[in-house]
PDB file of all heavy atoms in Angstrom:
ATOM      1  N   ALA A   1       0.848  -1.193   0.000  1.00  0.00           N
ATOM      2  CA  ALA A   1       0.000   0.000   0.000  1.00  0.00           C
ATOM      3  C   ALA A   1       0.883   1.242   0.000  1.00  0.00           C
ATOM      4  O   ALA A   1       2.105   1.166   0.158  1.00  0.00           O
ATOM      5  CB  ALA A   1      -0.919  -0.005   1.212  1.00  0.00           C
ATOM      6  N   TYR A   2       0.223   2.387  -0.178  1.00  0.00           N
ATOM      7  CA  TYR A   2       0.920   3.675  -0.224  1.00  0.00           C
ATOM      8  C   TYR A   2       0.303   4.608   0.803  1.00  0.00           C
ATOM      9  O   TYR A   2      -0.923   4.659   0.970  1.00  0.00           O
ATOM     10  CB  TYR A   2       0.831   4.277  -1.624  1.00  0.00           C
ATOM     11  CG  TYR A   2       1.543   3.445  -2.660  1.00  0.00           C
ATOM     12  CD1 TYR A   2       0.906   2.374  -3.278  1.00  0.00           C
ATOM     13  CD2 TYR A   2       2.875   3.704  -2.997  1.00  0.00           C
ATOM     14  CE1 TYR A   2       1.562   1.587  -4.216  1.00  0.00           C
ATOM     15  CE2 TYR A   2       3.539   2.932  -3.932  1.00  0.00           C
ATOM     16  CZ  TYR A   2       2.875   1.871  -4.535  1.00  0.00           C
ATOM     17  OH  TYR A   2       3.537   1.102  -5.457  1.00  0.00           O
ATOM     18  N   LEU A   3       1.185   5.367   1.465  1.00  0.00           N
ATOM     19  CA  LEU A   3       0.802   6.258   2.553  1.00  0.00           C
ATOM     20  C   LEU A   3       1.488   7.597   2.316  1.00  0.00           C
ATOM     21  O   LEU A   3       2.648   7.640   1.893  1.00  0.00           O
ATOM     22  CB  LEU A   3       1.255   5.643   3.879  1.00  0.00           C
ATOM     23  CG  LEU A   3       0.839   6.291   5.197  1.00  0.00           C
ATOM     24  CD1 LEU A   3      -0.635   5.990   5.487  1.00  0.00           C
ATOM     25  CD2 LEU A   3       1.700   5.717   6.342  1.00  0.00           C
ATOM     26  N   ARG A   4       0.766   8.696   2.581  1.00  0.00           N
ATOM     27  CA  ARG A   4       1.416  10.010   2.503  1.00  0.00           C
ATOM     28  C   ARG A   4       2.544  10.076   3.524  1.00  0.00           C
ATOM     29  O   ARG A   4       2.378   9.687   4.691  1.00  0.00           O
ATOM     30  CB  ARG A   4       0.415  11.132   2.788  1.00  0.00           C
ATOM     31  CG  ARG A   4      -0.517  11.485   1.660  1.00  0.00           C
ATOM     32  CD  ARG A   4       0.171  12.068   0.452  1.00  0.00           C
ATOM     33  NE  ARG A   4       0.842  13.329   0.671  1.00  0.00           N
ATOM     34  CZ  ARG A   4       0.340  14.523   0.323  1.00  0.00           C
ATOM     35  NH1 ARG A   4      -0.857  14.599  -0.247  1.00  0.00           N
ATOM     36  NH2 ARG A   4       1.023  15.619   0.538  1.00  0.00           N
ATOM     37  N   VAL A   5       3.692  10.556   3.115  1.00  0.00           N
ATOM     38  CA  VAL A   5       4.810  10.714   4.043  1.00  0.00           C
ATOM     39  C   VAL A   5       4.398  11.681   5.153  1.00  0.00           C
ATOM     40  O   VAL A   5       3.839  12.747   4.891  1.00  0.00           O
ATOM     41  CB  VAL A   5       6.059  11.226   3.294  1.00  0.00           C
ATOM     42  CG1 VAL A   5       7.143  11.637   4.279  1.00  0.00           C
ATOM     43  CG2 VAL A   5       6.581  10.159   2.349  1.00  0.00           C
ATOM     44  N   GLY A   6       4.639  11.287   6.393  1.00  0.00           N
ATOM     45  CA  GLY A   6       4.260  12.108   7.532  1.00  0.00           C
ATOM     46  C   GLY A   6       2.838  11.898   8.016  1.00  0.00           C
ATOM     47  O   GLY A   6       2.396  12.585   8.949  1.00  0.00           O
ATOM     48  N   GLN A   7       2.113  10.961   7.400  1.00  0.00           N
ATOM     49  CA  GLN A   7       0.734  10.696   7.791  1.00  0.00           C
ATOM     50  C   GLN A   7       0.650  10.270   9.263  1.00  0.00           C
ATOM     51  O   GLN A   7       1.374   9.381   9.709  1.00  0.00           O
ATOM     52  CB  GLN A   7       0.152   9.580   6.920  1.00  0.00           C
ATOM     53  CG  GLN A   7      -1.227   9.084   7.323  1.00  0.00           C
ATOM     54  CD  GLN A   7      -2.307  10.086   7.019  1.00  0.00           C
ATOM     55  OE1 GLN A   7      -2.462  10.510   5.879  1.00  0.00           O
ATOM     56  NE2 GLN A   7      -3.052  10.473   8.031  1.00  0.00           N
ATOM     57  N   VAL A   8      -0.220  10.915  10.014  1.00  0.00           N
ATOM     58  CA  VAL A   8      -0.439  10.554  11.410  1.00  0.00           C
ATOM     59  C   VAL A   8      -1.402   9.369  11.478  1.00  0.00           C
ATOM     60  O   VAL A   8      -2.427   9.345  10.788  1.00  0.00           O
ATOM     61  CB  VAL A   8      -1.015  11.743  12.203  1.00  0.00           C
ATOM     62  CG1 VAL A   8      -1.365  11.330  13.628  1.00  0.00           C
ATOM     63  CG2 VAL A   8      -0.015  12.895  12.209  1.00  0.00           C
ATOM     64  N   VAL A   9      -1.063   8.377  12.281  1.00  0.00           N
ATOM     65  CA  VAL A   9      -1.932   7.215  12.464  1.00  0.00           C
ATOM     66  C   VAL A   9      -2.742   7.416  13.747  1.00  0.00           C
ATOM     67  O   VAL A   9      -2.174   7.436  14.845  1.00  0.00           O
ATOM     68  CB  VAL A   9      -1.115   5.915  12.560  1.00  0.00           C
ATOM     69  CG1 VAL A   9      -2.038   4.715  12.784  1.00  0.00           C
ATOM     70  CG2 VAL A   9      -0.267   5.718  11.311  1.00  0.00           C
ATOM     71  N   PRO A  10      -4.056   7.608  13.642  1.00  0.00           N
ATOM     72  CA  PRO A  10      -4.864   7.823  14.849  1.00  0.00           C
ATOM     73  C   PRO A  10      -4.770   6.636  15.808  1.00  0.00           C
ATOM     74  O   PRO A  10      -4.629   5.484  15.389  1.00  0.00           O
ATOM     75  CB  PRO A  10      -6.287   7.972  14.296  1.00  0.00           C
ATOM     76  CG  PRO A  10      -6.108   8.381  12.869  1.00  0.00           C
ATOM     77  CD  PRO A  10      -4.871   7.682  12.417  1.00  0.00           C
ATOM     78  N   ARG A  11      -4.878   6.929  17.075  1.00  0.00           N
ATOM     79  CA  ARG A  11      -4.794   5.869  18.083  1.00  0.00           C
ATOM     80  C   ARG A  11      -6.152   5.311  18.461  1.00  0.00           C
ATOM     81  O   ARG A  11      -6.238   4.237  19.064  1.00  0.00           O
ATOM     82  CB  ARG A  11      -4.097   6.411  19.340  1.00  0.00           C
ATOM     83  CG  ARG A  11      -2.641   6.788  19.111  1.00  0.00           C
ATOM     84  CD  ARG A  11      -1.975   7.193  20.414  1.00  0.00           C
ATOM     85  NE  ARG A  11      -0.562   7.498  20.233  1.00  0.00           N
ATOM     86  CZ  ARG A  11       0.266   7.817  21.220  1.00  0.00           C
ATOM     87  NH1 ARG A  11      -0.192   7.876  22.481  1.00  0.00           N
ATOM     88  NH2 ARG A  11       1.539   8.074  20.975  1.00  0.00           N
ATOM     89  N   GLN A  12      -7.210   6.046  18.136  1.00  0.00           N
ATOM     90  CA  GLN A  12      -8.555   5.617  18.529  1.00  0.00           C
ATOM     91  C   GLN A  12      -9.449   5.477  17.310  1.00  0.00           C
ATOM     92  O   GLN A  12      -9.280   6.168  16.311  1.00  0.00           O
ATOM     93  CB  GLN A  12      -9.178   6.621  19.502  1.00  0.00           C
ATOM     94  CG  GLN A  12      -8.484   6.701  20.850  1.00  0.00           C
ATOM     95  CD  GLN A  12      -9.194   7.684  21.773  1.00  0.00           C
ATOM     96  OE1 GLN A  12      -9.620   8.759  21.342  1.00  0.00           O
ATOM     97  NE2 GLN A  12      -9.329   7.318  23.044  1.00  0.00           N
ATOM     98  N   ASP A  13     -10.419   4.566  17.430  1.00  0.00           N
ATOM     99  CA  ASP A  13     -11.459   4.427  16.408  1.00  0.00           C
ATOM    100  C   ASP A  13     -12.513   5.495  16.637  1.00  0.00           C
ATOM    101  O   ASP A  13     -13.118   5.562  17.711  1.00  0.00           O
ATOM    102  CB  ASP A  13     -12.112   3.044  16.488  1.00  0.00           C
ATOM    103  CG  ASP A  13     -11.203   1.946  15.960  1.00  0.00           C
ATOM    104  OD1 ASP A  13     -10.615   2.145  14.885  1.00  0.00           O
ATOM    105  OD2 ASP A  13     -11.087   0.895  16.618  1.00  0.00           O
ATOM    106  N   ARG A  14     -12.728   6.346  15.648  1.00  0.00           N
ATOM    107  CA  ARG A  14     -13.754   7.380  15.742  1.00  0.00           C
ATOM    108  C   ARG A  14     -14.480   7.466  14.412  1.00  0.00           C
ATOM    109  O   ARG A  14     -13.977   7.048  13.381  1.00  0.00           O
ATOM    110  CB  ARG A  14     -13.151   8.741  16.100  1.00  0.00           C
ATOM    111  CG  ARG A  14     -12.465   8.788  17.440  1.00  0.00           C
ATOM    112  CD  ARG A  14     -12.501  10.187  18.039  1.00  0.00           C
ATOM    113  NE  ARG A  14     -11.967  11.210  17.162  1.00  0.00           N
ATOM    114  CZ  ARG A  14     -10.688  11.571  17.118  1.00  0.00           C
ATOM    115  NH1 ARG A  14      -9.811  10.964  17.875  1.00  0.00           N
ATOM    116  NH2 ARG A  14     -10.292  12.542  16.311  1.00  0.00           N
ATOM    117  N   GLY A  15     -15.651   8.069  14.445  1.00  0.00           N
ATOM    118  CA  GLY A  15     -16.418   8.272  13.236  1.00  0.00           C
ATOM    119  C   GLY A  15     -17.711   7.487  13.240  1.00  0.00           C
ATOM    120  O   GLY A  15     -17.690   6.255  13.216  1.00  0.00           O
ATOM    121  N   THR A  16     -18.836   8.197  13.303  1.00  0.00           N
ATOM    122  CA  THR A  16     -20.164   7.573  13.285  1.00  0.00           C
ATOM    123  C   THR A  16     -21.002   8.289  12.241  1.00  0.00           C
ATOM    124  O   THR A  16     -21.149   9.524  12.298  1.00  0.00           O
ATOM    125  CB  THR A  16     -20.829   7.661  14.670  1.00  0.00           C
ATOM    126  OG1 THR A  16     -20.053   6.892  15.605  1.00  0.00           O
ATOM    127  CG2 THR A  16     -22.256   7.126  14.628  1.00  0.00           C
ATOM    128  N   ALA A  17     -21.546   7.537  11.285  1.00  0.00           N
ATOM    129  CA  ALA A  17     -22.304   8.159  10.196  1.00  0.00           C
ATOM    130  C   ALA A  17     -23.021   7.096   9.375  1.00  0.00           C
ATOM    131  O   ALA A  17     -22.582   5.950   9.283  1.00  0.00           O
ATOM    132  CB  ALA A  17     -21.380   8.960   9.284  1.00  0.00           C
ATOM    133  N   LEU A  18     -24.103   7.515   8.740  1.00  0.00           N
ATOM    134  CA  LEU A  18     -24.739   6.729   7.686  1.00  0.00           C
ATOM    135  C   LEU A  18     -24.032   7.050   6.373  1.00  0.00           C
ATOM    136  O   LEU A  18     -23.754   8.217   6.083  1.00  0.00           O
ATOM    137  CB  LEU A  18     -26.220   7.078   7.581  1.00  0.00           C
ATOM    138  CG  LEU A  18     -27.117   6.510   8.676  1.00  0.00           C
ATOM    139  CD1 LEU A  18     -28.422   7.306   8.765  1.00  0.00           C
ATOM    140  CD2 LEU A  18     -27.413   5.031   8.407  1.00  0.00           C
ATOM    141  N   LEU A  19     -23.746   6.029   5.588  1.00  0.00           N
ATOM    142  CA  LEU A  19     -23.037   6.203   4.323  1.00  0.00           C
ATOM    143  C   LEU A  19     -23.957   5.830   3.169  1.00  0.00           C
ATOM    144  O   LEU A  19     -24.448   4.700   3.101  1.00  0.00           O
ATOM    145  CB  LEU A  19     -21.800   5.308   4.272  1.00  0.00           C
ATOM    146  CG  LEU A  19     -20.813   5.417   5.445  1.00  0.00           C
ATOM    147  CD1 LEU A  19     -19.682   4.421   5.266  1.00  0.00           C
ATOM    148  CD2 LEU A  19     -20.275   6.832   5.563  1.00  0.00           C
ATOM    149  N   CYS A  20     -24.156   6.768   2.248  1.00  0.00           N
ATOM    150  CA  CYS A  20     -24.964   6.445   1.079  1.00  0.00           C
ATOM    151  C   CYS A  20     -24.181   5.481   0.181  1.00  0.00           C
ATOM    152  O   CYS A  20     -22.957   5.356   0.305  1.00  0.00           O
ATOM    153  CB  CYS A  20     -25.371   7.705   0.326  1.00  0.00           C
ATOM    154  SG  CYS A  20     -24.187   8.281  -0.901  1.00  0.00           S
ATOM    155  N   PRO A  21     -24.865   4.773  -0.714  1.00  0.00           N
ATOM    156  CA  PRO A  21     -24.171   3.779  -1.544  1.00  0.00           C
ATOM    157  C   PRO A  21     -23.029   4.336  -2.381  1.00  0.00           C
ATOM    158  O   PRO A  21     -22.167   3.570  -2.824  1.00  0.00           O
ATOM    159  CB  PRO A  21     -25.297   3.239  -2.433  1.00  0.00           C
ATOM    160  CG  PRO A  21     -26.535   3.409  -1.612  1.00  0.00           C
ATOM    161  CD  PRO A  21     -26.327   4.702  -0.884  1.00  0.00           C
ATOM    162  N   PHE A  22     -23.002   5.660  -2.601  1.00  0.00           N
ATOM    163  CA  PHE A  22     -21.960   6.251  -3.432  1.00  0.00           C
ATOM    164  C   PHE A  22     -21.005   7.117  -2.621  1.00  0.00           C
ATOM    165  O   PHE A  22     -20.368   8.029  -3.152  1.00  0.00           O
ATOM    166  CB  PHE A  22     -22.601   7.063  -4.565  1.00  0.00           C
ATOM    167  CG  PHE A  22     -23.501   6.237  -5.446  1.00  0.00           C
ATOM    168  CD1 PHE A  22     -24.880   6.280  -5.288  1.00  0.00           C
ATOM    169  CD2 PHE A  22     -22.970   5.397  -6.405  1.00  0.00           C
ATOM    170  CE1 PHE A  22     -25.717   5.512  -6.088  1.00  0.00           C
ATOM    171  CE2 PHE A  22     -23.792   4.620  -7.211  1.00  0.00           C
ATOM    172  CZ  PHE A  22     -25.161   4.678  -7.051  1.00  0.00           C
ATOM    173  N   ASP A  23     -20.885   6.830  -1.324  1.00  0.00           N
ATOM    174  CA  ASP A  23     -19.956   7.576  -0.474  1.00  0.00           C
ATOM    175  C   ASP A  23     -18.517   7.232  -0.850  1.00  0.00           C
ATOM    176  O   ASP A  23     -18.189   6.067  -1.087  1.00  0.00           O
ATOM    177  CB  ASP A  23     -20.199   7.239   0.992  1.00  0.00           C
ATOM    178  CG  ASP A  23     -19.471   8.181   1.930  1.00  0.00           C
ATOM    179  OD1 ASP A  23     -18.242   8.031   2.108  1.00  0.00           O
ATOM    180  OD2 ASP A  23     -20.126   9.086   2.474  1.00  0.00           O
ATOM    181  N   PRO A  24     -17.617   8.231  -0.899  1.00  0.00           N
ATOM    182  CA  PRO A  24     -16.227   7.943  -1.278  1.00  0.00           C
ATOM    183  C   PRO A  24     -15.524   6.925  -0.387  1.00  0.00           C
ATOM    184  O   PRO A  24     -14.608   6.253  -0.854  1.00  0.00           O
ATOM    185  CB  PRO A  24     -15.548   9.316  -1.183  1.00  0.00           C
ATOM    186  CG  PRO A  24     -16.645  10.298  -1.409  1.00  0.00           C
ATOM    187  CD  PRO A  24     -17.870   9.684  -0.778  1.00  0.00           C
ATOM    188  N   LEU A  25     -15.919   6.814   0.879  1.00  0.00           N
ATOM    189  CA  LEU A  25     -15.282   5.823   1.747  1.00  0.00           C
ATOM    190  C   LEU A  25     -15.510   4.404   1.238  1.00  0.00           C
ATOM    191  O   LEU A  25     -14.685   3.520   1.466  1.00  0.00           O
ATOM    192  CB  LEU A  25     -15.805   5.951   3.186  1.00  0.00           C
ATOM    193  CG  LEU A  25     -15.215   4.970   4.209  1.00  0.00           C
ATOM    194  CD1 LEU A  25     -13.716   5.174   4.371  1.00  0.00           C
ATOM    195  CD2 LEU A  25     -15.913   5.104   5.565  1.00  0.00           C
ATOM    196  N   ILE A  26     -16.618   4.177   0.536  1.00  0.00           N
ATOM    197  CA  ILE A  26     -16.954   2.815   0.105  1.00  0.00           C
ATOM    198  C   ILE A  26     -17.021   2.692  -1.417  1.00  0.00           C
ATOM    199  O   ILE A  26     -17.668   1.794  -1.944  1.00  0.00           O
ATOM    200  CB  ILE A  26     -18.264   2.335   0.758  1.00  0.00           C
ATOM    201  CG1 ILE A  26     -19.427   3.288   0.461  1.00  0.00           C
ATOM    202  CG2 ILE A  26     -18.080   2.192   2.274  1.00  0.00           C
ATOM    203  CD1 ILE A  26     -20.780   2.769   0.936  1.00  0.00           C
ATOM    204  N   PHE A  27     -16.330   3.590  -2.135  1.00  0.00           N
ATOM    205  CA  PHE A  27     -16.306   3.522  -3.601  1.00  0.00           C
ATOM    206  C   PHE A  27     -15.909   2.130  -4.102  1.00  0.00           C
ATOM    207  O   PHE A  27     -16.553   1.558  -4.965  1.00  0.00           O
ATOM    208  CB  PHE A  27     -15.276   4.520  -4.154  1.00  0.00           C
ATOM    209  CG  PHE A  27     -15.797   5.901  -4.416  1.00  0.00           C
ATOM    210  CD1 PHE A  27     -14.914   6.958  -4.625  1.00  0.00           C
ATOM    211  CD2 PHE A  27     -17.154   6.169  -4.488  1.00  0.00           C
ATOM    212  CE1 PHE A  27     -15.368   8.241  -4.887  1.00  0.00           C
ATOM    213  CE2 PHE A  27     -17.620   7.450  -4.746  1.00  0.00           C
ATOM    214  CZ  PHE A  27     -16.715   8.481  -4.942  1.00  0.00           C
ATOM    215  N   PHE A  28     -14.789   1.632  -3.595  1.00  0.00           N
ATOM    216  CA  PHE A  28     -14.159   0.433  -4.152  1.00  0.00           C
ATOM    217  C   PHE A  28     -14.429  -0.748  -3.245  1.00  0.00           C
ATOM    218  O   PHE A  28     -13.891  -0.838  -2.145  1.00  0.00           O
ATOM    219  CB  PHE A  28     -12.656   0.689  -4.309  1.00  0.00           C
ATOM    220  CG  PHE A  28     -11.930  -0.313  -5.144  1.00  0.00           C
ATOM    221  CD1 PHE A  28     -12.460  -0.790  -6.333  1.00  0.00           C
ATOM    222  CD2 PHE A  28     -10.680  -0.781  -4.748  1.00  0.00           C
ATOM    223  CE1 PHE A  28     -11.770  -1.711  -7.112  1.00  0.00           C
ATOM    224  CE2 PHE A  28      -9.970  -1.690  -5.520  1.00  0.00           C
ATOM    225  CZ  PHE A  28     -10.528  -2.163  -6.710  1.00  0.00           C
ATOM    226  N   ARG A  29     -15.301  -1.638  -3.690  1.00  0.00           N
ATOM    227  CA  ARG A  29     -15.798  -2.708  -2.817  1.00  0.00           C
ATOM    228  C   ARG A  29     -14.704  -3.650  -2.301  1.00  0.00           C
ATOM    229  O   ARG A  29     -14.753  -4.045  -1.120  1.00  0.00           O
ATOM    230  CB  ARG A  29     -16.896  -3.501  -3.515  1.00  0.00           C
ATOM    231  CG  ARG A  29     -18.012  -2.671  -4.149  1.00  0.00           C
ATOM    232  CD  ARG A  29     -18.592  -1.596  -3.242  1.00  0.00           C
ATOM    233  NE  ARG A  29     -19.733  -0.933  -3.871  1.00  0.00           N
ATOM    234  CZ  ARG A  29     -20.173   0.267  -3.578  1.00  0.00           C
ATOM    235  NH1 ARG A  29     -19.584   0.979  -2.655  1.00  0.00           N
ATOM    236  NH2 ARG A  29     -21.224   0.775  -4.186  1.00  0.00           N
ATOM    237  N   PRO A  30     -13.712  -4.042  -3.117  1.00  0.00           N
ATOM    238  CA  PRO A  30     -12.647  -4.886  -2.545  1.00  0.00           C
ATOM    239  C   PRO A  30     -11.911  -4.205  -1.393  1.00  0.00           C
ATOM    240  O   PRO A  30     -11.521  -4.871  -0.423  1.00  0.00           O
ATOM    241  CB  PRO A  30     -11.712  -5.126  -3.744  1.00  0.00           C
ATOM    242  CG  PRO A  30     -12.588  -4.977  -4.945  1.00  0.00           C
ATOM    243  CD  PRO A  30     -13.560  -3.890  -4.577  1.00  0.00           C
ATOM    244  N   ARG A  31     -11.718  -2.903  -1.487  1.00  0.00           N
ATOM    245  CA  ARG A  31     -11.065  -2.160  -0.406  1.00  0.00           C
ATOM    246  C   ARG A  31     -11.931  -2.162   0.848  1.00  0.00           C
ATOM    247  O   ARG A  31     -11.425  -2.301   1.975  1.00  0.00           O
ATOM    248  CB  ARG A  31     -10.787  -0.734  -0.876  1.00  0.00           C
ATOM    249  CG  ARG A  31     -10.332   0.226   0.215  1.00  0.00           C
ATOM    250  CD  ARG A  31     -10.150   1.619  -0.388  1.00  0.00           C
ATOM    251  NE  ARG A  31     -10.070   2.655   0.626  1.00  0.00           N
ATOM    252  CZ  ARG A  31      -8.992   2.971   1.307  1.00  0.00           C
ATOM    253  NH1 ARG A  31      -7.879   2.301   1.105  1.00  0.00           N
ATOM    254  NH2 ARG A  31      -9.016   3.938   2.203  1.00  0.00           N
ATOM    255  N   VAL A  32     -13.240  -2.004   0.676  1.00  0.00           N
ATOM    256  CA  VAL A  32     -14.162  -2.027   1.815  1.00  0.00           C
ATOM    257  C   VAL A  32     -14.032  -3.348   2.570  1.00  0.00           C
ATOM    258  O   VAL A  32     -13.981  -3.375   3.803  1.00  0.00           O
ATOM    259  CB  VAL A  32     -15.610  -1.801   1.345  1.00  0.00           C
ATOM    260  CG1 VAL A  32     -16.591  -1.982   2.502  1.00  0.00           C
ATOM    261  CG2 VAL A  32     -15.763  -0.410   0.746  1.00  0.00           C
ATOM    262  N   GLU A  33     -13.965  -4.449   1.831  1.00  0.00           N
ATOM    263  CA  GLU A  33     -13.842  -5.760   2.476  1.00  0.00           C
ATOM    264  C   GLU A  33     -12.523  -5.872   3.232  1.00  0.00           C
ATOM    265  O   GLU A  33     -12.471  -6.446   4.326  1.00  0.00           O
ATOM    266  CB  GLU A  33     -13.971  -6.862   1.424  1.00  0.00           C
ATOM    267  CG  GLU A  33     -15.372  -6.935   0.818  1.00  0.00           C
ATOM    268  CD  GLU A  33     -15.562  -8.152  -0.081  1.00  0.00           C
ATOM    269  OE1 GLU A  33     -14.924  -9.191   0.182  1.00  0.00           O
ATOM    270  OE2 GLU A  33     -16.348  -8.060  -1.042  1.00  0.00           O
ATOM    271  N   ARG A  34     -11.439  -5.334   2.658  1.00  0.00           N
ATOM    272  CA  ARG A  34     -10.143  -5.391   3.342  1.00  0.00           C
ATOM    273  C   ARG A  34     -10.132  -4.529   4.599  1.00  0.00           C
ATOM    274  O   ARG A  34      -9.588  -4.919   5.643  1.00  0.00           O
ATOM    275  CB  ARG A  34      -9.039  -4.904   2.392  1.00  0.00           C
ATOM    276  CG  ARG A  34      -8.483  -5.970   1.479  1.00  0.00           C
ATOM    277  CD  ARG A  34      -7.314  -5.438   0.666  1.00  0.00           C
ATOM    278  NE  ARG A  34      -7.752  -4.814  -0.567  1.00  0.00           N
ATOM    279  CZ  ARG A  34      -7.592  -3.542  -0.878  1.00  0.00           C
ATOM    280  NH1 ARG A  34      -6.994  -2.719  -0.032  1.00  0.00           N
ATOM    281  NH2 ARG A  34      -8.010  -3.055  -2.024  1.00  0.00           N
ATOM    282  N   LEU A  35     -10.716  -3.337   4.496  1.00  0.00           N
ATOM    283  CA  LEU A  35     -10.663  -2.396   5.611  1.00  0.00           C
ATOM    284  C   LEU A  35     -11.559  -2.794   6.767  1.00  0.00           C
ATOM    285  O   LEU A  35     -11.216  -2.582   7.940  1.00  0.00           O
ATOM    286  CB  LEU A  35     -11.078  -0.998   5.140  1.00  0.00           C
ATOM    287  CG  LEU A  35     -10.052  -0.132   4.426  1.00  0.00           C
ATOM    288  CD1 LEU A  35     -10.709   1.135   3.918  1.00  0.00           C
ATOM    289  CD2 LEU A  35      -8.876   0.213   5.347  1.00  0.00           C
ATOM    290  N   PHE A  36     -12.721  -3.353   6.447  1.00  0.00           N
ATOM    291  CA  PHE A  36     -13.757  -3.526   7.469  1.00  0.00           C
ATOM    292  C   PHE A  36     -14.110  -4.992   7.699  1.00  0.00           C
ATOM    293  O   PHE A  36     -15.275  -5.363   7.774  1.00  0.00           O
ATOM    294  CB  PHE A  36     -14.998  -2.716   7.092  1.00  0.00           C
ATOM    295  CG  PHE A  36     -14.760  -1.236   7.050  1.00  0.00           C
ATOM    296  CD1 PHE A  36     -14.611  -0.572   5.838  1.00  0.00           C
ATOM    297  CD2 PHE A  36     -14.647  -0.503   8.217  1.00  0.00           C
ATOM    298  CE1 PHE A  36     -14.377   0.791   5.787  1.00  0.00           C
ATOM    299  CE2 PHE A  36     -14.415   0.863   8.186  1.00  0.00           C
ATOM    300  CZ  PHE A  36     -14.278   1.514   6.967  1.00  0.00           C
ATOM    301  N   GLY A  37     -13.080  -5.808   7.809  1.00  0.00           N
ATOM    302  CA  GLY A  37     -13.259  -7.174   8.258  1.00  0.00           C
ATOM    303  C   GLY A  37     -14.200  -8.008   7.419  1.00  0.00           C
ATOM    304  O   GLY A  37     -15.000  -8.784   7.972  1.00  0.00           O
ATOM    305  N   GLY A  38     -14.125  -7.868   6.098  1.00  0.00           N
ATOM    306  CA  GLY A  38     -14.952  -8.686   5.225  1.00  0.00           C
ATOM    307  C   GLY A  38     -16.335  -8.142   4.970  1.00  0.00           C
ATOM    308  O   GLY A  38     -17.209  -8.878   4.485  1.00  0.00           O
TER     309      GLY A  38
END
């Protein structure tokens, strides 16, 4: 994978929201499965 140089890695899980089917966080379905435990 690729990461911006100097990227800060958060220590806590945060973020609560409803995501529409075309939200950028879930654009690419294979990535969604990798990021969010299948």
